[in-house]
Amino acid sequence: MSKTYYTEDHEWIRVENGVATVGITEYAQEQLGDLVFVELPEPGATVSKGDAIVVVESVKVASDVYAPADGDIKSVNDALSSEPGLVNSSAEKDGWLWTMALSDESQLEGLMDKSAYQTTVDQG
């Protein structure tokens, strides 16, 4: 069974069988507009919560995507290199950015569930 958490910086992290998949939210991709480039991290890299891991560039702006927890990058979504628009069309599914092994799952406790995140966006 998977569980999805959300950050104030508009990332989502879905944890299933000890592996976390990370991406940006539907709201974030709407704010950015059409993505033209995604700079992905190197698999094997160790990251800390709050580190800037990915750069997404749209026709309007470049924006950092941050690690929602400590861990090791396991894989990246290579499809985004040739098709960055996947993030726009499927931000919380096919447009995922990277997977990671979490070092400390307790860090997820401070993150929001979907309804809390939606409330934050609505109050925006």
PDB file of N, CA and C in Angstrom:
ATOM      1  N   MET A   1       0.839  -1.186   0.000  1.00  0.00           N
ATOM      2  CA  MET A   1       0.000   0.000   0.000  1.00  0.00           C
ATOM      3  C   MET A   1       0.882   1.247   0.000  1.00  0.00           C
ATOM      4  N   SER A   2       0.509   2.211  -0.813  1.00  0.00           N
ATOM      5  CA  SER A   2       1.318   3.428  -0.886  1.00  0.00           C
ATOM      6  C   SER A   2       0.631   4.560  -0.123  1.00  0.00           C
ATOM      7  N   LYS A   3       1.449   5.499   0.300  1.00  0.00           N
ATOM      8  CA  LYS A   3       0.938   6.688   0.968  1.00  0.00           C
ATOM      9  C   LYS A   3       1.645   7.891   0.345  1.00  0.00           C
ATOM     10  N   THR A   4       0.881   8.948   0.064  1.00  0.00           N
ATOM     11  CA  THR A   4       1.437  10.143  -0.569  1.00  0.00           C
ATOM     12  C   THR A   4       1.410  11.307   0.419  1.00  0.00           C
ATOM     13  N   TYR A   5       2.512  12.037   0.453  1.00  0.00           N
ATOM     14  CA  TYR A   5       2.660  13.218   1.300  1.00  0.00           C
ATOM     15  C   TYR A   5       2.959  14.415   0.406  1.00  0.00           C
ATOM     16  N   TYR A   6       2.720  15.622   0.943  1.00  0.00           N
ATOM     17  CA  TYR A   6       2.935  16.856   0.182  1.00  0.00           C
ATOM     18  C   TYR A   6       3.742  17.846   1.017  1.00  0.00           C
ATOM     19  N   THR A   7       4.546  18.673   0.333  1.00  0.00           N
ATOM     20  CA  THR A   7       5.348  19.686   1.021  1.00  0.00           C
ATOM     21  C   THR A   7       4.786  21.081   0.732  1.00  0.00           C
ATOM     22  N   GLU A   8       5.217  22.030   1.540  1.00  0.00           N
ATOM     23  CA  GLU A   8       4.823  23.428   1.320  1.00  0.00           C
ATOM     24  C   GLU A   8       5.436  23.975   0.033  1.00  0.00           C
ATOM     25  N   ASP A   9       6.494  23.329  -0.458  1.00  0.00           N
ATOM     26  CA  ASP A   9       7.148  23.756  -1.699  1.00  0.00           C
ATOM     27  C   ASP A   9       6.546  23.085  -2.933  1.00  0.00           C
ATOM     28  N   HIS A  10       5.406  22.407  -2.737  1.00  0.00           N
ATOM     29  CA  HIS A  10       4.628  21.807  -3.840  1.00  0.00           C
ATOM     30  C   HIS A  10       5.274  20.575  -4.466  1.00  0.00           C
ATOM     31  N   GLU A  11       5.995  19.796  -3.632  1.00  0.00           N
ATOM     32  CA  GLU A  11       6.444  18.482  -4.065  1.00  0.00           C
ATOM     33  C   GLU A  11       5.510  17.436  -3.467  1.00  0.00           C
ATOM     34  N   TRP A  12       5.427  16.298  -4.146  1.00  0.00           N
ATOM     35  CA  TRP A  12       4.742  15.146  -3.556  1.00  0.00           C
ATOM     36  C   TRP A  12       5.760  14.032  -3.424  1.00  0.00           C
ATOM     37  N   ILE A  13       5.528  13.171  -2.448  1.00  0.00           N
ATOM     38  CA  ILE A  13       6.382  12.001  -2.246  1.00  0.00           C
ATOM     39  C   ILE A  13       5.468  10.829  -1.922  1.00  0.00           C
ATOM     40  N   ARG A  14       5.549   9.810  -2.750  1.00  0.00           N
ATOM     41  CA  ARG A  14       4.720   8.609  -2.590  1.00  0.00           C
ATOM     42  C   ARG A  14       5.613   7.464  -2.149  1.00  0.00           C
ATOM     43  N   VAL A  15       5.292   6.873  -1.005  1.00  0.00           N
ATOM     44  CA  VAL A  15       6.107   5.805  -0.439  1.00  0.00           C
ATOM     45  C   VAL A  15       5.375   4.473  -0.589  1.00  0.00           C
ATOM     46  N   GLU A  16       6.082   3.525  -1.200  1.00  0.00           N
ATOM     47  CA  GLU A  16       5.522   2.194  -1.403  1.00  0.00           C
ATOM     48  C   GLU A  16       6.639   1.170  -1.280  1.00  0.00           C
ATOM     49  N   ASN A  17       6.472   0.227  -0.369  1.00  0.00           N
ATOM     50  CA  ASN A  17       7.466  -0.837  -0.152  1.00  0.00           C
ATOM     51  C   ASN A  17       8.869  -0.278   0.090  1.00  0.00           C
ATOM     52  N   GLY A  18       8.952   0.792   0.866  1.00  0.00           N
ATOM     53  CA  GLY A  18      10.249   1.351   1.235  1.00  0.00           C
ATOM     54  C   GLY A  18      10.912   2.220   0.188  1.00  0.00           C
ATOM     55  N   VAL A  19      10.279   2.365  -0.980  1.00  0.00           N
ATOM     56  CA  VAL A  19      10.830   3.228  -2.029  1.00  0.00           C
ATOM     57  C   VAL A  19       9.934   4.453  -2.169  1.00  0.00           C
ATOM     58  N   ALA A  20      10.552   5.617  -2.238  1.00  0.00           N
ATOM     59  CA  ALA A  20       9.808   6.870  -2.365  1.00  0.00           C
ATOM     60  C   ALA A  20       9.972   7.421  -3.776  1.00  0.00           C
ATOM     61  N   THR A  21       8.859   7.801  -4.382  1.00  0.00           N
ATOM     62  CA  THR A  21       8.864   8.454  -5.694  1.00  0.00           C
ATOM     63  C   THR A  21       8.501   9.913  -5.458  1.00  0.00           C
ATOM     64  N   VAL A  22       9.227  10.823  -6.116  1.00  0.00           N
ATOM     65  CA  VAL A  22       9.062  12.255  -5.876  1.00  0.00           C
ATOM     66  C   VAL A  22       8.743  12.981  -7.173  1.00  0.00           C
ATOM     67  N   GLY A  23       7.889  13.998  -7.076  1.00  0.00           N
ATOM     68  CA  GLY A  23       7.563  14.850  -8.217  1.00  0.00           C
ATOM     69  C   GLY A  23       6.997  16.168  -7.736  1.00  0.00           C
ATOM     70  N   ILE A  24       6.536  16.974  -8.677  1.00  0.00           N
ATOM     71  CA  ILE A  24       5.881  18.235  -8.304  1.00  0.00           C
ATOM     72  C   ILE A  24       4.374  18.054  -8.462  1.00  0.00           C
ATOM     73  N   THR A  25       3.637  18.858  -7.728  1.00  0.00           N
ATOM     74  CA  THR A  25       2.188  18.716  -7.716  1.00  0.00           C
ATOM     75  C   THR A  25       1.546  19.305  -8.971  1.00  0.00           C
ATOM     76  N   GLU A  26       0.312  18.927  -9.162  1.00  0.00           N
ATOM     77  CA  GLU A  26      -0.497  19.472 -10.249  1.00  0.00           C
ATOM     78  C   GLU A  26      -0.523  21.002 -10.161  1.00  0.00           C
ATOM     79  N   TYR A  27      -0.713  21.519  -8.946  1.00  0.00           N
ATOM     80  CA  TYR A  27      -0.742  22.967  -8.727  1.00  0.00           C
ATOM     81  C   TYR A  27       0.578  23.610  -9.173  1.00  0.00           C
ATOM     82  N   ALA A  28       1.703  22.995  -8.804  1.00  0.00           N
ATOM     83  CA  ALA A  28       3.016  23.559  -9.157  1.00  0.00           C
ATOM     84  C   ALA A  28       3.200  23.624 -10.659  1.00  0.00           C
ATOM     85  N   GLN A  29       2.843  22.558 -11.373  1.00  0.00           N
ATOM     86  CA  GLN A  29       3.038  22.573 -12.826  1.00  0.00           C
ATOM     87  C   GLN A  29       2.133  23.608 -13.472  1.00  0.00           C
ATOM     88  N   GLU A  30       0.929  23.838 -12.902  1.00  0.00           N
ATOM     89  CA  GLU A  30       0.042  24.875 -13.446  1.00  0.00           C
ATOM     90  C   GLU A  30       0.673  26.259 -13.286  1.00  0.00           C
ATOM     91  N   GLN A  31       1.309  26.499 -12.137  1.00  0.00           N
ATOM     92  CA  GLN A  31       1.949  27.790 -11.877  1.00  0.00           C
ATOM     93  C   GLN A  31       3.154  28.012 -12.783  1.00  0.00           C
ATOM     94  N   LEU A  32       3.883  26.949 -13.086  1.00  0.00           N
ATOM     95  CA  LEU A  32       5.082  27.057 -13.920  1.00  0.00           C
ATOM     96  C   LEU A  32       4.755  27.260 -15.394  1.00  0.00           C
ATOM     97  N   GLY A  33       3.694  26.637 -15.859  1.00  0.00           N
ATOM     98  CA  GLY A  33       3.378  26.677 -17.283  1.00  0.00           C
ATOM     99  C   GLY A  33       4.105  25.546 -18.004  1.00  0.00           C
ATOM    100  N   ASP A  34       4.151  25.627 -19.325  1.00  0.00           N
ATOM    101  CA  ASP A  34       4.710  24.540 -20.139  1.00  0.00           C
ATOM    102  C   ASP A  34       6.199  24.345 -19.865  1.00  0.00           C
ATOM    103  N   LEU A  35       6.550  23.156 -19.397  1.00  0.00           N
ATOM    104  CA  LEU A  35       7.956  22.855 -19.124  1.00  0.00           C
ATOM    105  C   LEU A  35       8.692  22.568 -20.424  1.00  0.00           C
ATOM    106  N   VAL A  36       9.909  23.108 -20.510  1.00  0.00           N
ATOM    107  CA  VAL A  36      10.732  22.910 -21.703  1.00  0.00           C
ATOM    108  C   VAL A  36      12.011  22.143 -21.390  1.00  0.00           C
ATOM    109  N   PHE A  37      12.346  22.011 -20.089  1.00  0.00           N
ATOM    110  CA  PHE A  37      13.577  21.326 -19.708  1.00  0.00           C
ATOM    111  C   PHE A  37      13.476  20.862 -18.264  1.00  0.00           C
ATOM    112  N   VAL A  38      13.982  19.666 -17.991  1.00  0.00           N
ATOM    113  CA  VAL A  38      14.070  19.139 -16.630  1.00  0.00           C
ATOM    114  C   VAL A  38      15.491  18.633 -16.417  1.00  0.00           C
ATOM    115  N   GLU A  39      16.188  19.201 -15.429  1.00  0.00           N
ATOM    116  CA  GLU A  39      17.544  18.764 -15.089  1.00  0.00           C
ATOM    117  C   GLU A  39      17.439  17.787 -13.926  1.00  0.00           C
ATOM    118  N   LEU A  40      17.725  16.507 -14.195  1.00  0.00           N
ATOM    119  CA  LEU A  40      17.555  15.454 -13.207  1.00  0.00           C
ATOM    120  C   LEU A  40      18.848  15.184 -12.441  1.00  0.00           C
ATOM    121  N   PRO A  41      18.737  14.621 -11.229  1.00  0.00           N
ATOM    122  CA  PRO A  41      19.940  14.300 -10.443  1.00  0.00           C
ATOM    123  C   PRO A  41      20.609  13.020 -10.943  1.00  0.00           C
ATOM    124  N   GLU A  42      21.765  12.727 -10.407  1.00  0.00           N
ATOM    125  CA  GLU A  42      22.484  11.494 -10.733  1.00  0.00           C
ATOM    126  C   GLU A  42      22.037  10.378  -9.805  1.00  0.00           C
ATOM    127  N   PRO A  43      21.648   9.230 -10.347  1.00  0.00           N
ATOM    128  CA  PRO A  43      21.361   8.085  -9.472  1.00  0.00           C
ATOM    129  C   PRO A  43      22.591   7.770  -8.621  1.00  0.00           C
ATOM    130  N   GLY A  44      22.334   7.392  -7.366  1.00  0.00           N
ATOM    131  CA  GLY A  44      23.425   7.095  -6.448  1.00  0.00           C
ATOM    132  C   GLY A  44      23.757   8.247  -5.529  1.00  0.00           C
ATOM    133  N   ALA A  45      23.301   9.452  -5.867  1.00  0.00           N
ATOM    134  CA  ALA A  45      23.587  10.624  -5.040  1.00  0.00           C
ATOM    135  C   ALA A  45      22.836  10.523  -3.707  1.00  0.00           C
ATOM    136  N   THR A  46      23.492  10.957  -2.653  1.00  0.00           N
ATOM    137  CA  THR A  46      22.856  11.042  -1.344  1.00  0.00           C
ATOM    138  C   THR A  46      22.360  12.472  -1.173  1.00  0.00           C
ATOM    139  N   VAL A  47      21.095  12.620  -0.762  1.00  0.00           N
ATOM    140  CA  VAL A  47      20.497  13.944  -0.635  1.00  0.00           C
ATOM    141  C   VAL A  47      19.967  14.153   0.778  1.00  0.00           C
ATOM    142  N   SER A  48      19.877  15.413   1.154  1.00  0.00           N
ATOM    143  CA  SER A  48      19.335  15.776   2.460  1.00  0.00           C
ATOM    144  C   SER A  48      18.046  16.561   2.278  1.00  0.00           C
ATOM    145  N   LYS A  49      17.148  16.406   3.225  1.00  0.00           N
ATOM    146  CA  LYS A  49      15.881  17.121   3.188  1.00  0.00           C
ATOM    147  C   LYS A  49      16.146  18.607   2.989  1.00  0.00           C
ATOM    148  N   GLY A  50      15.455  19.206   2.020  1.00  0.00           N
ATOM    149  CA  GLY A  50      15.611  20.632   1.741  1.00  0.00           C
ATOM    150  C   GLY A  50      16.616  20.955   0.660  1.00  0.00           C
ATOM    151  N   ASP A  51      17.439  19.969   0.254  1.00  0.00           N
ATOM    152  CA  ASP A  51      18.396  20.208  -0.832  1.00  0.00           C
ATOM    153  C   ASP A  51      17.655  20.440  -2.146  1.00  0.00           C
ATOM    154  N   ALA A  52      18.160  21.355  -2.973  1.00  0.00           N
ATOM    155  CA  ALA A  52      17.637  21.522  -4.332  1.00  0.00           C
ATOM    156  C   ALA A  52      18.169  20.358  -5.154  1.00  0.00           C
ATOM    157  N   ILE A  53      17.268  19.524  -5.708  1.00  0.00           N
ATOM    158  CA  ILE A  53      17.665  18.297  -6.385  1.00  0.00           C
ATOM    159  C   ILE A  53      17.484  18.398  -7.896  1.00  0.00           C
ATOM    160  N   VAL A  54      16.408  19.027  -8.313  1.00  0.00           N
ATOM    161  CA  VAL A  54      16.029  19.094  -9.730  1.00  0.00           C
ATOM    162  C   VAL A  54      15.760  20.551 -10.083  1.00  0.00           C
ATOM    163  N   VAL A  55      16.068  20.916 -11.318  1.00  0.00           N
ATOM    164  CA  VAL A  55      15.654  22.212 -11.853  1.00  0.00           C
ATOM    165  C   VAL A  55      14.649  21.935 -12.967  1.00  0.00           C
ATOM    166  N   VAL A  56      13.492  22.588 -12.873  1.00  0.00           N
ATOM    167  CA  VAL A  56      12.506  22.502 -13.949  1.00  0.00           C
ATOM    168  C   VAL A  56      12.415  23.886 -14.575  1.00  0.00           C
ATOM    169  N   GLU A  57      12.474  23.916 -15.904  1.00  0.00           N
ATOM    170  CA  GLU A  57      12.396  25.192 -16.614  1.00  0.00           C
ATOM    171  C   GLU A  57      11.160  25.205 -17.489  1.00  0.00           C
ATOM    172  N   SER A  58      10.423  26.304 -17.380  1.00  0.00           N
ATOM    173  CA  SER A  58       9.263  26.488 -18.242  1.00  0.00           C
ATOM    174  C   SER A  58       9.551  27.668 -19.161  1.00  0.00           C
ATOM    175  N   VAL A  59       8.609  27.987 -20.003  1.00  0.00           N
ATOM    176  CA  VAL A  59       8.787  29.140 -20.874  1.00  0.00           C
ATOM    177  C   VAL A  59       8.836  30.427 -20.047  1.00  0.00           C
ATOM    178  N   LYS A  60       8.332  30.386 -18.812  1.00  0.00           N
ATOM    179  CA  LYS A  60       8.277  31.561 -17.955  1.00  0.00           C
ATOM    180  C   LYS A  60       9.424  31.677 -16.963  1.00  0.00           C
ATOM    181  N   VAL A  61       9.830  30.538 -16.360  1.00  0.00           N
ATOM    182  CA  VAL A  61      10.714  30.605 -15.195  1.00  0.00           C
ATOM    183  C   VAL A  61      11.440  29.267 -14.981  1.00  0.00           C
ATOM    184  N   ALA A  62      12.569  29.334 -14.282  1.00  0.00           N
ATOM    185  CA  ALA A  62      13.236  28.119 -13.804  1.00  0.00           C
ATOM    186  C   ALA A  62      12.965  28.009 -12.310  1.00  0.00           C
ATOM    187  N   SER A  63      12.748  26.795 -11.842  1.00  0.00           N
ATOM    188  CA  SER A  63      12.412  26.596 -10.445  1.00  0.00           C
ATOM    189  C   SER A  63      13.100  25.348  -9.911  1.00  0.00           C
ATOM    190  N   ASP A  64      13.523  25.410  -8.636  1.00  0.00           N
ATOM    191  CA  ASP A  64      14.138  24.254  -7.997  1.00  0.00           C
ATOM    192  C   ASP A  64      13.070  23.333  -7.422  1.00  0.00           C
ATOM    193  N   VAL A  65      13.382  22.058  -7.400  1.00  0.00           N
ATOM    194  CA  VAL A  65      12.552  21.060  -6.720  1.00  0.00           C
ATOM    195  C   VAL A  65      13.420  20.496  -5.602  1.00  0.00           C
ATOM    196  N   TYR A  66      12.863  20.448  -4.391  1.00  0.00           N
ATOM    197  CA  TYR A  66      13.638  20.101  -3.205  1.00  0.00           C
ATOM    198  C   TYR A  66      13.373  18.679  -2.725  1.00  0.00           C
ATOM    199  N   ALA A  67      14.371  18.096  -2.071  1.00  0.00           N
ATOM    200  CA  ALA A  67      14.209  16.768  -1.480  1.00  0.00           C
ATOM    201  C   ALA A  67      13.284  16.885  -0.268  1.00  0.00           C
ATOM    202  N   PRO A  68      12.207  16.100  -0.243  1.00  0.00           N
ATOM    203  CA  PRO A  68      11.299  16.155   0.902  1.00  0.00           C
ATOM    204  C   PRO A  68      11.805  15.362   2.110  1.00  0.00           C
ATOM    205  N   ALA A  69      12.890  14.598   1.928  1.00  0.00           N
ATOM    206  CA  ALA A  69      13.451  13.793   3.016  1.00  0.00           C
ATOM    207  C   ALA A  69      14.878  13.393   2.647  1.00  0.00           C
ATOM    208  N   ASP A  70      15.624  12.910   3.636  1.00  0.00           N
ATOM    209  CA  ASP A  70      16.973  12.398   3.408  1.00  0.00           C
ATOM    210  C   ASP A  70      16.909  11.050   2.709  1.00  0.00           C
ATOM    211  N   GLY A  71      17.900  10.771   1.866  1.00  0.00           N
ATOM    212  CA  GLY A  71      17.950   9.451   1.246  1.00  0.00           C
ATOM    213  C   GLY A  71      18.932   9.381   0.103  1.00  0.00           C
ATOM    214  N   ASP A  72      18.873   8.271  -0.612  1.00  0.00           N
ATOM    215  CA  ASP A  72      19.748   8.024  -1.757  1.00  0.00           C
ATOM    216  C   ASP A  72      18.906   7.920  -3.022  1.00  0.00           C
ATOM    217  N   ILE A  73      19.311   8.663  -4.054  1.00  0.00           N
ATOM    218  CA  ILE A  73      18.616   8.611  -5.344  1.00  0.00           C
ATOM    219  C   ILE A  73      18.818   7.223  -5.950  1.00  0.00           C
ATOM    220  N   LYS A  74      17.720   6.571  -6.289  1.00  0.00           N
ATOM    221  CA  LYS A  74      17.794   5.233  -6.882  1.00  0.00           C
ATOM    222  C   LYS A  74      17.655   5.294  -8.402  1.00  0.00           C
ATOM    223  N   SER A  75      16.705   6.082  -8.887  1.00  0.00           N
ATOM    224  CA  SER A  75      16.493   6.194 -10.331  1.00  0.00           C
ATOM    225  C   SER A  75      15.892   7.553 -10.647  1.00  0.00           C
ATOM    226  N   VAL A  76      15.962   7.912 -11.934  1.00  0.00           N
ATOM    227  CA  VAL A  76      15.362   9.160 -12.405  1.00  0.00           C
ATOM    228  C   VAL A  76      14.463   8.833 -13.588  1.00  0.00           C
ATOM    229  N   ASN A  77      13.543   9.720 -13.866  1.00  0.00           N
ATOM    230  CA  ASN A  77      12.608   9.530 -14.977  1.00  0.00           C
ATOM    231  C   ASN A  77      13.257  10.038 -16.263  1.00  0.00           C
ATOM    232  N   ASP A  78      14.025   9.163 -16.903  1.00  0.00           N
ATOM    233  CA  ASP A  78      14.769   9.538 -18.112  1.00  0.00           C
ATOM    234  C   ASP A  78      13.870  10.030 -19.243  1.00  0.00           C
ATOM    235  N   ALA A  79      12.609   9.630 -19.250  1.00  0.00           N
ATOM    236  CA  ALA A  79      11.686  10.066 -20.298  1.00  0.00           C
ATOM    237  C   ALA A  79      11.561  11.583 -20.326  1.00  0.00           C
ATOM    238  N   LEU A  80      11.806  12.240 -19.187  1.00  0.00           N
ATOM    239  CA  LEU A  80      11.662  13.701 -19.115  1.00  0.00           C
ATOM    240  C   LEU A  80      12.749  14.431 -19.901  1.00  0.00           C
ATOM    241  N   SER A  81      13.862  13.774 -20.165  1.00  0.00           N
ATOM    242  CA  SER A  81      14.931  14.410 -20.940  1.00  0.00           C
ATOM    243  C   SER A  81      14.447  14.786 -22.336  1.00  0.00           C
ATOM    244  N   SER A  82      13.663  13.912 -22.940  1.00  0.00           N
ATOM    245  CA  SER A  82      13.155  14.195 -24.281  1.00  0.00           C
ATOM    246  C   SER A  82      11.708  14.681 -24.266  1.00  0.00           C
ATOM    247  N   GLU A  83      11.015  14.483 -23.148  1.00  0.00           N
ATOM    248  CA  GLU A  83       9.610  14.847 -23.075  1.00  0.00           C
ATOM    249  C   GLU A  83       9.262  15.512 -21.739  1.00  0.00           C
ATOM    250  N   PRO A  84       9.810  16.732 -21.483  1.00  0.00           N
ATOM    251  CA  PRO A  84       9.550  17.393 -20.199  1.00  0.00           C
ATOM    252  C   PRO A  84       8.068  17.699 -19.974  1.00  0.00           C
ATOM    253  N   GLY A  85       7.299  17.768 -21.043  1.00  0.00           N
ATOM    254  CA  GLY A  85       5.867  18.044 -20.940  1.00  0.00           C
ATOM    255  C   GLY A  85       5.083  16.970 -20.203  1.00  0.00           C
ATOM    256  N   LEU A  86       5.699  15.790 -19.968  1.00  0.00           N
ATOM    257  CA  LEU A  86       5.030  14.761 -19.161  1.00  0.00           C
ATOM    258  C   LEU A  86       4.680  15.297 -17.782  1.00  0.00           C
ATOM    259  N   VAL A  87       5.500  16.202 -17.271  1.00  0.00           N
ATOM    260  CA  VAL A  87       5.213  16.789 -15.963  1.00  0.00           C
ATOM    261  C   VAL A  87       3.926  17.607 -16.049  1.00  0.00           C
ATOM    262  N   ASN A  88       3.719  18.305 -17.157  1.00  0.00           N
ATOM    263  CA  ASN A  88       2.492  19.085 -17.321  1.00  0.00           C
ATOM    264  C   ASN A  88       1.268  18.195 -17.498  1.00  0.00           C
ATOM    265  N   SER A  89       1.403  17.153 -18.292  1.00  0.00           N
ATOM    266  CA  SER A  89       0.240  16.333 -18.607  1.00  0.00           C
ATOM    267  C   SER A  89      -0.085  15.314 -17.525  1.00  0.00           C
ATOM    268  N   SER A  90       0.906  14.958 -16.694  1.00  0.00           N
ATOM    269  CA  SER A  90       0.683  13.914 -15.690  1.00  0.00           C
ATOM    270  C   SER A  90       1.607  14.136 -14.490  1.00  0.00           C
ATOM    271  N   ALA A  91       1.486  15.297 -13.853  1.00  0.00           N
ATOM    272  CA  ALA A  91       2.422  15.707 -12.798  1.00  0.00           C
ATOM    273  C   ALA A  91       2.540  14.692 -11.667  1.00  0.00           C
ATOM    274  N   GLU A  92       1.440  14.085 -11.292  1.00  0.00           N
ATOM    275  CA  GLU A  92       1.477  13.203 -10.129  1.00  0.00           C
ATOM    276  C   GLU A  92       1.454  11.724 -10.503  1.00  0.00           C
ATOM    277  N   LYS A  93       1.790  11.424 -11.771  1.00  0.00           N
ATOM    278  CA  LYS A  93       1.858  10.031 -12.218  1.00  0.00           C
ATOM    279  C   LYS A  93       3.065   9.836 -13.123  1.00  0.00           C
ATOM    280  N   ASP A  94       2.867   9.935 -14.450  1.00  0.00           N
ATOM    281  CA  ASP A  94       3.946   9.686 -15.409  1.00  0.00           C
ATOM    282  C   ASP A  94       5.052  10.737 -15.354  1.00  0.00           C
ATOM    283  N   GLY A  95       4.766  11.915 -14.800  1.00  0.00           N
ATOM    284  CA  GLY A  95       5.747  12.998 -14.730  1.00  0.00           C
ATOM    285  C   GLY A  95       6.575  12.996 -13.456  1.00  0.00           C
ATOM    286  N   TRP A  96       6.682  11.839 -12.796  1.00  0.00           N
ATOM    287  CA  TRP A  96       7.522  11.755 -11.595  1.00  0.00           C
ATOM    288  C   TRP A  96       8.961  12.140 -11.942  1.00  0.00           C
ATOM    289  N   LEU A  97       9.727  12.572 -10.945  1.00  0.00           N
ATOM    290  CA  LEU A  97      11.087  13.053 -11.193  1.00  0.00           C
ATOM    291  C   LEU A  97      12.166  12.038 -10.810  1.00  0.00           C
ATOM    292  N   TRP A  98      12.123  11.531  -9.569  1.00  0.00           N
ATOM    293  CA  TRP A  98      13.124  10.570  -9.124  1.00  0.00           C
ATOM    294  C   TRP A  98      12.543   9.644  -8.064  1.00  0.00           C
ATOM    295  N   THR A  99      13.230   8.498  -7.879  1.00  0.00           N
ATOM    296  CA  THR A  99      12.908   7.605  -6.770  1.00  0.00           C
ATOM    297  C   THR A  99      14.089   7.608  -5.821  1.00  0.00           C
ATOM    298  N   MET A 100      13.799   7.315  -4.555  1.00  0.00           N
ATOM    299  CA  MET A 100      14.859   7.322  -3.554  1.00  0.00           C
ATOM    300  C   MET A 100      14.574   6.324  -2.449  1.00  0.00           C
ATOM    301  N   ALA A 101      15.638   5.832  -1.830  1.00  0.00           N
ATOM    302  CA  ALA A 101      15.542   5.035  -0.616  1.00  0.00           C
ATOM    303  C   ALA A 101      15.637   6.030   0.534  1.00  0.00           C
ATOM    304  N   LEU A 102      14.663   6.013   1.410  1.00  0.00           N
ATOM    305  CA  LEU A 102      14.643   6.968   2.519  1.00  0.00           C
ATOM    306  C   LEU A 102      15.610   6.548   3.626  1.00  0.00           C
ATOM    307  N   SER A 103      16.324   7.529   4.184  1.00  0.00           N
ATOM    308  CA  SER A 103      17.221   7.260   5.307  1.00  0.00           C
ATOM    309  C   SER A 103      16.464   7.303   6.626  1.00  0.00           C
ATOM    310  N   ASP A 104      15.417   8.144   6.688  1.00  0.00           N
ATOM    311  CA  ASP A 104      14.704   8.361   7.943  1.00  0.00           C
ATOM    312  C   ASP A 104      13.229   8.642   7.639  1.00  0.00           C
ATOM    313  N   GLU A 105      12.416   7.583   7.639  1.00  0.00           N
ATOM    314  CA  GLU A 105      10.998   7.749   7.292  1.00  0.00           C
ATOM    315  C   GLU A 105      10.257   8.654   8.266  1.00  0.00           C
ATOM    316  N   SER A 106      10.789   8.867   9.466  1.00  0.00           N
ATOM    317  CA  SER A 106      10.108   9.736  10.432  1.00  0.00           C
ATOM    318  C   SER A 106      10.043  11.186   9.929  1.00  0.00           C
ATOM    319  N   GLN A 107      10.907  11.541   8.958  1.00  0.00           N
ATOM    320  CA  GLN A 107      10.862  12.895   8.397  1.00  0.00           C
ATOM    321  C   GLN A 107       9.543  13.149   7.663  1.00  0.00           C
ATOM    322  N   LEU A 108       8.862  12.097   7.257  1.00  0.00           N
ATOM    323  CA  LEU A 108       7.601  12.255   6.536  1.00  0.00           C
ATOM    324  C   LEU A 108       6.477  12.732   7.447  1.00  0.00           C
ATOM    325  N   GLU A 109       6.642  12.542   8.750  1.00  0.00           N
ATOM    326  CA  GLU A 109       5.589  12.897   9.700  1.00  0.00           C
ATOM    327  C   GLU A 109       5.245  14.384   9.672  1.00  0.00           C
ATOM    328  N   GLY A 110       6.192  15.235   9.298  1.00  0.00           N
ATOM    329  CA  GLY A 110       5.941  16.672   9.259  1.00  0.00           C
ATOM    330  C   GLY A 110       5.303  17.152   7.967  1.00  0.00           C
ATOM    331  N   LEU A 111       5.089  16.243   7.017  1.00  0.00           N
ATOM    332  CA  LEU A 111       4.524  16.624   5.726  1.00  0.00           C
ATOM    333  C   LEU A 111       2.996  16.551   5.762  1.00  0.00           C
ATOM    334  N   MET A 112       2.359  17.094   4.742  1.00  0.00           N
ATOM    335  CA  MET A 112       0.899  17.178   4.694  1.00  0.00           C
ATOM    336  C   MET A 112       0.295  16.005   3.927  1.00  0.00           C
ATOM    337  N   ASP A 113      -0.955  15.686   4.271  1.00  0.00           N
ATOM    338  CA  ASP A 113      -1.723  14.765   3.439  1.00  0.00           C
ATOM    339  C   ASP A 113      -2.412  15.592   2.358  1.00  0.00           C
ATOM    340  N   LYS A 114      -3.138  14.941   1.460  1.00  0.00           N
ATOM    341  CA  LYS A 114      -3.727  15.645   0.319  1.00  0.00           C
ATOM    342  C   LYS A 114      -4.693  16.749   0.741  1.00  0.00           C
ATOM    343  N   SER A 115      -5.531  16.491   1.728  1.00  0.00           N
ATOM    344  CA  SER A 115      -6.514  17.508   2.117  1.00  0.00           C
ATOM    345  C   SER A 115      -5.847  18.723   2.775  1.00  0.00           C
ATOM    346  N   ALA A 116      -4.828  18.497   3.594  1.00  0.00           N
ATOM    347  CA  ALA A 116      -4.106  19.618   4.199  1.00  0.00           C
ATOM    348  C   ALA A 116      -3.386  20.427   3.125  1.00  0.00           C
ATOM    349  N   TYR A 117      -2.790  19.735   2.159  1.00  0.00           N
ATOM    350  CA  TYR A 117      -2.121  20.424   1.055  1.00  0.00           C
ATOM    351  C   TYR A 117      -3.121  21.250   0.244  1.00  0.00           C
ATOM    352  N   GLN A 118      -4.259  20.682  -0.055  1.00  0.00           N
ATOM    353  CA  GLN A 118      -5.285  21.396  -0.822  1.00  0.00           C
ATOM    354  C   GLN A 118      -5.744  22.651  -0.086  1.00  0.00           C
ATOM    355  N   THR A 119      -5.883  22.547   1.236  1.00  0.00           N
ATOM    356  CA  THR A 119      -6.260  23.708   2.047  1.00  0.00           C
ATOM    357  C   THR A 119      -5.192  24.794   1.948  1.00  0.00           C
ATOM    358  N   THR A 120      -3.926  24.403   1.991  1.00  0.00           N
ATOM    359  CA  THR A 120      -2.820  25.351   1.875  1.00  0.00           C
ATOM    360  C   THR A 120      -2.863  26.062   0.518  1.00  0.00           C
ATOM    361  N   VAL A 121      -3.089  25.307  -0.542  1.00  0.00           N
ATOM    362  CA  VAL A 121      -3.159  25.876  -1.890  1.00  0.00           C
ATOM    363  C   VAL A 121      -4.354  26.833  -1.993  1.00  0.00           C
ATOM    364  N   ASP A 122      -5.496  26.425  -1.462  1.00  0.00           N
ATOM    365  CA  ASP A 122      -6.707  27.247  -1.533  1.00  0.00           C
ATOM    366  C   ASP A 122      -6.555  28.562  -0.791  1.00  0.00           C
ATOM    367  N   GLN A 123      -5.786  28.544   0.314  1.00  0.00           N
ATOM    368  CA  GLN A 123      -5.567  29.754   1.100  1.00  0.00           C
ATOM    369  C   GLN A 123      -4.490  30.636   0.480  1.00  0.00           C
ATOM    370  N   GLY A 124      -3.678  30.024  -0.433  1.00  0.00           N
ATOM    371  CA  GLY A 124      -2.568  30.587  -1.135  1.00  0.00           C
ATOM    372  C   GLY A 124      -2.411  32.020  -1.122  1.00  0.00           C
TER     373      GLY A 124
END
